[in-house]
Amino acid sequence: MQTVSFTAMKDGTREDYLMLRDMELKHNLATADRLLREMARQEEETIEGYQISRLGHALQSATRARREGADVDWIVSALLHDIGDGLAPQNHDRMAAEIIRPFVREECTWVVEHHGAFQMIYYAHHYGWNREERARYADSPHYQACVDFCERWDQSCFDPAYEADPLDSFAPTVRDVFSRKAYAPDVVRPGVAIGLLR
């Protein structure tokens, strides 16, 4: 394998960095496949105490979005919204948002980033916490989309009897979304609020 000549970044040559750029481009093109492998691995992880695996929850979320006619940004966001649960359980929502941020509409990223706070409406009172945590975001143009996302495609997706679509059925969509030009204005669409369904 070809490697750089340096052991400290400041000592790298132009040739080193041009070689790395080419290798990083190949690496970036494989992002979707790495995400799909991680999702498949989550089949082995049952969220302790729940009746389904992490993958099962993700597939139910994405399947519900797809069956309701959501666009590809929402479907991929639903599939990946909890991908950070295993590595970042205290801020999994923000981790997932950072993964999708360059490739989906800002609205979808915002919803994924904040869904943890919005989900508290369903359970926080059982712990003596503020179940109205989402009220902090009431002025956001994406507030209602997050309410709807949590109600329709998140909190209801822990059902072992629900027949979700298989992971491989989402692979082409994930690959399409992650092959977009990162941060392209026509993809990210800052300030645009469409809602879950057009």
C-alpha atoms as a PDB file:
ATOM      1  CA  MET A   1       0.000   0.000   0.000  1.00  0.00           C
ATOM      2  CA  GLN A   2       1.260   3.444  -0.880  1.00  0.00           C
ATOM      3  CA  THR A   3       1.851   5.660   2.162  1.00  0.00           C
ATOM      4  CA  VAL A   4       2.887   9.231   2.883  1.00  0.00           C
ATOM      5  CA  SER A   5       6.484  10.177   3.588  1.00  0.00           C
ATOM      6  CA  PHE A   6       5.737  12.056   6.801  1.00  0.00           C
ATOM      7  CA  THR A   7       5.193  11.154  10.438  1.00  0.00           C
ATOM      8  CA  ALA A   8       4.021  14.671  11.356  1.00  0.00           C
ATOM      9  CA  MET A   9       1.481  16.474   9.171  1.00  0.00           C
ATOM     10  CA  LYS A  10       3.542  19.657   8.998  1.00  0.00           C
ATOM     11  CA  ASP A  11       6.281  17.714   7.181  1.00  0.00           C
ATOM     12  CA  GLY A  12       4.026  16.487   4.363  1.00  0.00           C
ATOM     13  CA  THR A  13       4.810  17.280   0.756  1.00  0.00           C
ATOM     14  CA  ARG A  14       2.470  18.315  -2.030  1.00  0.00           C
ATOM     15  CA  GLU A  15       2.776  14.786  -3.462  1.00  0.00           C
ATOM     16  CA  ASP A  16       1.804  13.311  -0.082  1.00  0.00           C
ATOM     17  CA  TYR A  17      -1.310  15.430   0.125  1.00  0.00           C
ATOM     18  CA  LEU A  18      -2.338  14.880  -3.495  1.00  0.00           C
ATOM     19  CA  MET A  19      -2.058  11.117  -2.929  1.00  0.00           C
ATOM     20  CA  LEU A  20      -4.132  11.414   0.264  1.00  0.00           C
ATOM     21  CA  ARG A  21      -6.762  13.491  -1.508  1.00  0.00           C
ATOM     22  CA  ASP A  22      -7.228  10.753  -4.112  1.00  0.00           C
ATOM     23  CA  MET A  23      -7.452   8.084  -1.413  1.00  0.00           C
ATOM     24  CA  GLU A  24      -9.897  10.159   0.642  1.00  0.00           C
ATOM     25  CA  LEU A  25     -12.147  10.608  -2.374  1.00  0.00           C
ATOM     26  CA  LYS A  26     -12.393   6.806  -2.721  1.00  0.00           C
ATOM     27  CA  HIS A  27     -12.983   6.503   1.007  1.00  0.00           C
ATOM     28  CA  ASN A  28     -15.745   9.132   0.906  1.00  0.00           C
ATOM     29  CA  LEU A  29     -17.493   7.332  -1.942  1.00  0.00           C
ATOM     30  CA  ALA A  30     -17.814   4.256   0.289  1.00  0.00           C
ATOM     31  CA  THR A  31     -19.586   6.090   3.135  1.00  0.00           C
ATOM     32  CA  ALA A  32     -22.991   4.615   2.293  1.00  0.00           C
ATOM     33  CA  ASP A  33     -21.630   1.068   2.372  1.00  0.00           C
ATOM     34  CA  ARG A  34     -19.987   1.662   5.762  1.00  0.00           C
ATOM     35  CA  LEU A  35     -23.276   3.006   7.117  1.00  0.00           C
ATOM     36  CA  LEU A  36     -25.180   0.011   5.769  1.00  0.00           C
ATOM     37  CA  ARG A  37     -22.666  -2.359   7.384  1.00  0.00           C
ATOM     38  CA  GLU A  38     -23.104  -0.536  10.690  1.00  0.00           C
ATOM     39  CA  MET A  39     -26.883  -0.792  10.373  1.00  0.00           C
ATOM     40  CA  ALA A  40     -26.621  -4.537   9.680  1.00  0.00           C
ATOM     41  CA  ARG A  41     -24.396  -4.929  12.738  1.00  0.00           C
ATOM     42  CA  GLN A  42     -27.109  -3.323  14.842  1.00  0.00           C
ATOM     43  CA  GLU A  43     -29.291  -6.387  14.314  1.00  0.00           C
ATOM     44  CA  GLU A  44     -27.080  -8.035  16.954  1.00  0.00           C
ATOM     45  CA  GLU A  45     -27.786  -5.224  19.404  1.00  0.00           C
ATOM     46  CA  THR A  46     -31.054  -5.353  21.241  1.00  0.00           C
ATOM     47  CA  ILE A  47     -31.662  -2.148  23.091  1.00  0.00           C
ATOM     48  CA  GLU A  48     -31.690  -3.594  26.581  1.00  0.00           C
ATOM     49  CA  GLY A  49     -35.225  -3.857  27.868  1.00  0.00           C
ATOM     50  CA  TYR A  50     -36.852  -3.387  24.463  1.00  0.00           C
ATOM     51  CA  GLN A  51     -38.495  -6.134  22.417  1.00  0.00           C
ATOM     52  CA  ILE A  52     -36.593  -5.418  19.178  1.00  0.00           C
ATOM     53  CA  SER A  53     -33.053  -4.750  17.993  1.00  0.00           C
ATOM     54  CA  ARG A  54     -31.629  -1.351  17.125  1.00  0.00           C
ATOM     55  CA  LEU A  55     -31.829  -2.346  13.460  1.00  0.00           C
ATOM     56  CA  GLY A  56     -35.446  -3.419  13.888  1.00  0.00           C
ATOM     57  CA  HIS A  57     -36.326   0.021  15.240  1.00  0.00           C
ATOM     58  CA  ALA A  58     -34.519   1.775  12.391  1.00  0.00           C
ATOM     59  CA  LEU A  59     -36.175  -0.399   9.752  1.00  0.00           C
ATOM     60  CA  GLN A  60     -39.618   0.202  11.219  1.00  0.00           C
ATOM     61  CA  SER A  61     -39.001   3.956  11.205  1.00  0.00           C
ATOM     62  CA  ALA A  62     -37.784   4.025   7.615  1.00  0.00           C
ATOM     63  CA  THR A  63     -40.502   1.633   6.446  1.00  0.00           C
ATOM     64  CA  ARG A  64     -43.237   3.768   7.969  1.00  0.00           C
ATOM     65  CA  ALA A  65     -41.745   6.853   6.305  1.00  0.00           C
ATOM     66  CA  ARG A  66     -41.538   5.075   2.943  1.00  0.00           C
ATOM     67  CA  ARG A  67     -45.071   3.664   3.171  1.00  0.00           C
ATOM     68  CA  GLU A  68     -46.446   7.106   3.952  1.00  0.00           C
ATOM     69  CA  GLY A  69     -44.847   8.494   0.789  1.00  0.00           C
ATOM     70  CA  ALA A  70     -42.010  10.473   2.374  1.00  0.00           C
ATOM     71  CA  ASP A  71     -39.184  11.694   0.160  1.00  0.00           C
ATOM     72  CA  VAL A  72     -35.728  10.093   0.171  1.00  0.00           C
ATOM     73  CA  ASP A  73     -34.282  12.634   2.622  1.00  0.00           C
ATOM     74  CA  TRP A  74     -36.878  11.652   5.219  1.00  0.00           C
ATOM     75  CA  ILE A  75     -36.522   7.934   4.547  1.00  0.00           C
ATOM     76  CA  VAL A  76     -32.747   8.007   5.009  1.00  0.00           C
ATOM     77  CA  SER A  77     -33.110  10.268   8.053  1.00  0.00           C
ATOM     78  CA  ALA A  78     -35.604   7.854   9.601  1.00  0.00           C
ATOM     79  CA  LEU A  79     -33.309   4.903   8.891  1.00  0.00           C
ATOM     80  CA  LEU A  80     -30.239   6.569  10.420  1.00  0.00           C
ATOM     81  CA  HIS A  81     -31.785   8.706  13.173  1.00  0.00           C
ATOM     82  CA  ASP A  82     -30.508   6.444  15.976  1.00  0.00           C
ATOM     83  CA  ILE A  83     -27.298   5.194  14.371  1.00  0.00           C
ATOM     84  CA  GLY A  84     -25.314   6.867  17.165  1.00  0.00           C
ATOM     85  CA  ASP A  85     -27.079   4.987  19.992  1.00  0.00           C
ATOM     86  CA  GLY A  86     -24.306   2.459  20.516  1.00  0.00           C
ATOM     87  CA  LEU A  87     -21.336   4.842  20.563  1.00  0.00           C
ATOM     88  CA  ALA A  88     -22.945   8.042  21.844  1.00  0.00           C
ATOM     89  CA  PRO A  89     -25.993   7.136  23.929  1.00  0.00           C
ATOM     90  CA  GLN A  90     -26.136  10.534  25.661  1.00  0.00           C
ATOM     91  CA  ASN A  91     -26.022  12.519  22.408  1.00  0.00           C
ATOM     92  CA  HIS A  92     -26.905   9.965  19.749  1.00  0.00           C
ATOM     93  CA  ASP A  93     -29.271  12.410  18.074  1.00  0.00           C
ATOM     94  CA  ARG A  94     -26.504  14.947  17.431  1.00  0.00           C
ATOM     95  CA  MET A  95     -24.124  12.243  16.240  1.00  0.00           C
ATOM     96  CA  ALA A  96     -26.663  10.970  13.711  1.00  0.00           C
ATOM     97  CA  ALA A  97     -27.367  14.534  12.568  1.00  0.00           C
ATOM     98  CA  GLU A  98     -23.694  15.128  11.844  1.00  0.00           C
ATOM     99  CA  ILE A  99     -23.561  11.983   9.707  1.00  0.00           C
ATOM    100  CA  ILE A 100     -26.460  13.059   7.499  1.00  0.00           C
ATOM    101  CA  ARG A 101     -25.922  16.858   7.579  1.00  0.00           C
ATOM    102  CA  PRO A 102     -23.897  17.170   4.335  1.00  0.00           C
ATOM    103  CA  PHE A 103     -26.328  15.070   2.293  1.00  0.00           C
ATOM    104  CA  VAL A 104     -29.935  15.857   3.253  1.00  0.00           C
ATOM    105  CA  ARG A 105     -32.179  18.858   3.652  1.00  0.00           C
ATOM    106  CA  GLU A 106     -31.431  21.057   6.661  1.00  0.00           C
ATOM    107  CA  GLU A 107     -34.958  20.383   7.927  1.00  0.00           C
ATOM    108  CA  CYS A 108     -34.270  16.626   8.169  1.00  0.00           C
ATOM    109  CA  THR A 109     -30.947  17.198   9.911  1.00  0.00           C
ATOM    110  CA  TRP A 110     -32.594  19.541  12.424  1.00  0.00           C
ATOM    111  CA  VAL A 111     -35.286  16.982  13.213  1.00  0.00           C
ATOM    112  CA  VAL A 112     -32.766  14.171  13.727  1.00  0.00           C
ATOM    113  CA  GLU A 113     -30.581  16.454  15.846  1.00  0.00           C
ATOM    114  CA  HIS A 114     -33.465  17.384  18.157  1.00  0.00           C
ATOM    115  CA  HIS A 115     -35.619  14.256  18.203  1.00  0.00           C
ATOM    116  CA  GLY A 116     -34.181  13.165  21.562  1.00  0.00           C
ATOM    117  CA  ALA A 117     -35.641  16.219  23.292  1.00  0.00           C
ATOM    118  CA  PHE A 118     -38.952  15.842  21.447  1.00  0.00           C
ATOM    119  CA  GLN A 119     -39.259  12.161  22.410  1.00  0.00           C
ATOM    120  CA  MET A 120     -39.279  13.176  26.085  1.00  0.00           C
ATOM    121  CA  ILE A 121     -42.974  14.031  25.746  1.00  0.00           C
ATOM    122  CA  TYR A 122     -43.666  10.280  25.896  1.00  0.00           C
ATOM    123  CA  TYR A 123     -41.648   9.265  28.938  1.00  0.00           C
ATOM    124  CA  ALA A 124     -39.891  12.062  30.862  1.00  0.00           C
ATOM    125  CA  HIS A 125     -42.655  12.428  33.461  1.00  0.00           C
ATOM    126  CA  HIS A 126     -42.010   8.842  34.588  1.00  0.00           C
ATOM    127  CA  TYR A 127     -38.554   9.978  35.734  1.00  0.00           C
ATOM    128  CA  GLY A 128     -39.647  13.321  37.158  1.00  0.00           C
ATOM    129  CA  TRP A 129     -38.119  15.162  34.192  1.00  0.00           C
ATOM    130  CA  ASN A 130     -39.615  17.889  32.040  1.00  0.00           C
ATOM    131  CA  ARG A 131     -41.682  16.188  29.377  1.00  0.00           C
ATOM    132  CA  GLU A 132     -42.170  19.539  27.629  1.00  0.00           C
ATOM    133  CA  GLU A 133     -38.472  19.898  26.780  1.00  0.00           C
ATOM    134  CA  ARG A 134     -39.438  20.397  23.141  1.00  0.00           C
ATOM    135  CA  ALA A 135     -41.143  23.702  24.010  1.00  0.00           C
ATOM    136  CA  ARG A 136     -37.662  25.311  23.946  1.00  0.00           C
ATOM    137  CA  TYR A 137     -37.755  24.896  20.172  1.00  0.00           C
ATOM    138  CA  ALA A 138     -41.303  26.163  19.553  1.00  0.00           C
ATOM    139  CA  ASP A 139     -40.044  29.051  17.404  1.00  0.00           C
ATOM    140  CA  SER A 140     -38.183  26.783  14.988  1.00  0.00           C
ATOM    141  CA  PRO A 141     -39.671  26.403  11.506  1.00  0.00           C
ATOM    142  CA  HIS A 142     -38.928  22.677  11.918  1.00  0.00           C
ATOM    143  CA  TYR A 143     -40.757  22.250  15.237  1.00  0.00           C
ATOM    144  CA  GLN A 144     -43.889  20.633  13.784  1.00  0.00           C
ATOM    145  CA  ALA A 145     -41.873  18.335  11.519  1.00  0.00           C
ATOM    146  CA  CYS A 146     -40.031  17.050  14.591  1.00  0.00           C
ATOM    147  CA  VAL A 147     -43.291  16.556  16.503  1.00  0.00           C
ATOM    148  CA  ASP A 148     -44.679  14.601  13.552  1.00  0.00           C
ATOM    149  CA  PHE A 149     -41.466  12.603  13.004  1.00  0.00           C
ATOM    150  CA  CYS A 150     -41.454  11.473  16.636  1.00  0.00           C
ATOM    151  CA  GLU A 151     -45.142  10.631  16.677  1.00  0.00           C
ATOM    152  CA  ARG A 152     -45.339   8.790  13.355  1.00  0.00           C
ATOM    153  CA  TRP A 153     -41.879   7.375  12.672  1.00  0.00           C
ATOM    154  CA  ASP A 154     -40.065   7.017  15.992  1.00  0.00           C
ATOM    155  CA  GLN A 155     -42.085   6.390  19.153  1.00  0.00           C
ATOM    156  CA  SER A 156     -44.313   3.850  17.410  1.00  0.00           C
ATOM    157  CA  CYS A 157     -41.444   1.755  16.024  1.00  0.00           C
ATOM    158  CA  PHE A 158     -40.717  -0.730  18.799  1.00  0.00           C
ATOM    159  CA  ASP A 159     -43.259  -3.346  17.715  1.00  0.00           C
ATOM    160  CA  PRO A 160     -41.958  -6.904  17.169  1.00  0.00           C
ATOM    161  CA  ALA A 161     -45.110  -7.716  15.157  1.00  0.00           C
ATOM    162  CA  TYR A 162     -44.613  -4.890  12.628  1.00  0.00           C
ATOM    163  CA  GLU A 163     -43.389  -6.179   9.240  1.00  0.00           C
ATOM    164  CA  ALA A 164     -40.663  -3.765   8.226  1.00  0.00           C
ATOM    165  CA  ASP A 165     -38.922  -3.736   4.870  1.00  0.00           C
ATOM    166  CA  PRO A 166     -35.452  -5.355   4.874  1.00  0.00           C
ATOM    167  CA  LEU A 167     -32.253  -3.307   5.081  1.00  0.00           C
ATOM    168  CA  ASP A 168     -31.175  -4.202   1.545  1.00  0.00           C
ATOM    169  CA  SER A 169     -34.341  -2.569   0.193  1.00  0.00           C
ATOM    170  CA  PHE A 170     -33.038   0.770   1.533  1.00  0.00           C
ATOM    171  CA  ALA A 171     -29.483   0.338   0.226  1.00  0.00           C
ATOM    172  CA  PRO A 172     -30.043   2.023  -3.171  1.00  0.00           C
ATOM    173  CA  THR A 173     -31.642   5.034  -1.493  1.00  0.00           C
ATOM    174  CA  VAL A 174     -28.829   5.350   1.050  1.00  0.00           C
ATOM    175  CA  ARG A 175     -26.241   5.088  -1.729  1.00  0.00           C
ATOM    176  CA  ASP A 176     -28.055   7.732  -3.802  1.00  0.00           C
ATOM    177  CA  VAL A 177     -28.243  10.179  -0.908  1.00  0.00           C
ATOM    178  CA  PHE A 178     -24.626   9.708   0.174  1.00  0.00           C
ATOM    179  CA  SER A 179     -23.378  10.102  -3.398  1.00  0.00           C
ATOM    180  CA  ARG A 180     -24.651  13.688  -3.483  1.00  0.00           C
ATOM    181  CA  LYS A 181     -22.171  16.541  -3.422  1.00  0.00           C
ATOM    182  CA  ALA A 182     -21.614  17.321   0.248  1.00  0.00           C
ATOM    183  CA  TYR A 183     -23.247  20.551   1.442  1.00  0.00           C
ATOM    184  CA  ALA A 184     -24.645  21.378  -1.997  1.00  0.00           C
ATOM    185  CA  PRO A 185     -27.055  24.312  -1.493  1.00  0.00           C
ATOM    186  CA  ASP A 186     -29.716  22.672  -3.680  1.00  0.00           C
ATOM    187  CA  VAL A 187     -29.596  19.609  -1.377  1.00  0.00           C
ATOM    188  CA  VAL A 188     -29.209  21.239   2.041  1.00  0.00           C
ATOM    189  CA  ARG A 189     -31.766  23.952   1.210  1.00  0.00           C
ATOM    190  CA  PRO A 190     -31.169  26.169   4.253  1.00  0.00           C
ATOM    191  CA  GLY A 191     -34.327  27.622   5.775  1.00  0.00           C
ATOM    192  CA  VAL A 192     -36.713  25.443   3.758  1.00  0.00           C
ATOM    193  CA  ALA A 193     -39.454  23.807   5.822  1.00  0.00           C
ATOM    194  CA  ILE A 194     -41.521  21.283   3.872  1.00  0.00           C
ATOM    195  CA  GLY A 195     -42.771  18.981   6.608  1.00  0.00           C
ATOM    196  CA  LEU A 196     -42.931  15.210   6.548  1.00  0.00           C
ATOM    197  CA  LEU A 197     -45.127  14.823   3.497  1.00  0.00           C
ATOM    198  CA  ARG A 198     -45.632  17.232   0.619  1.00  0.00           C
END
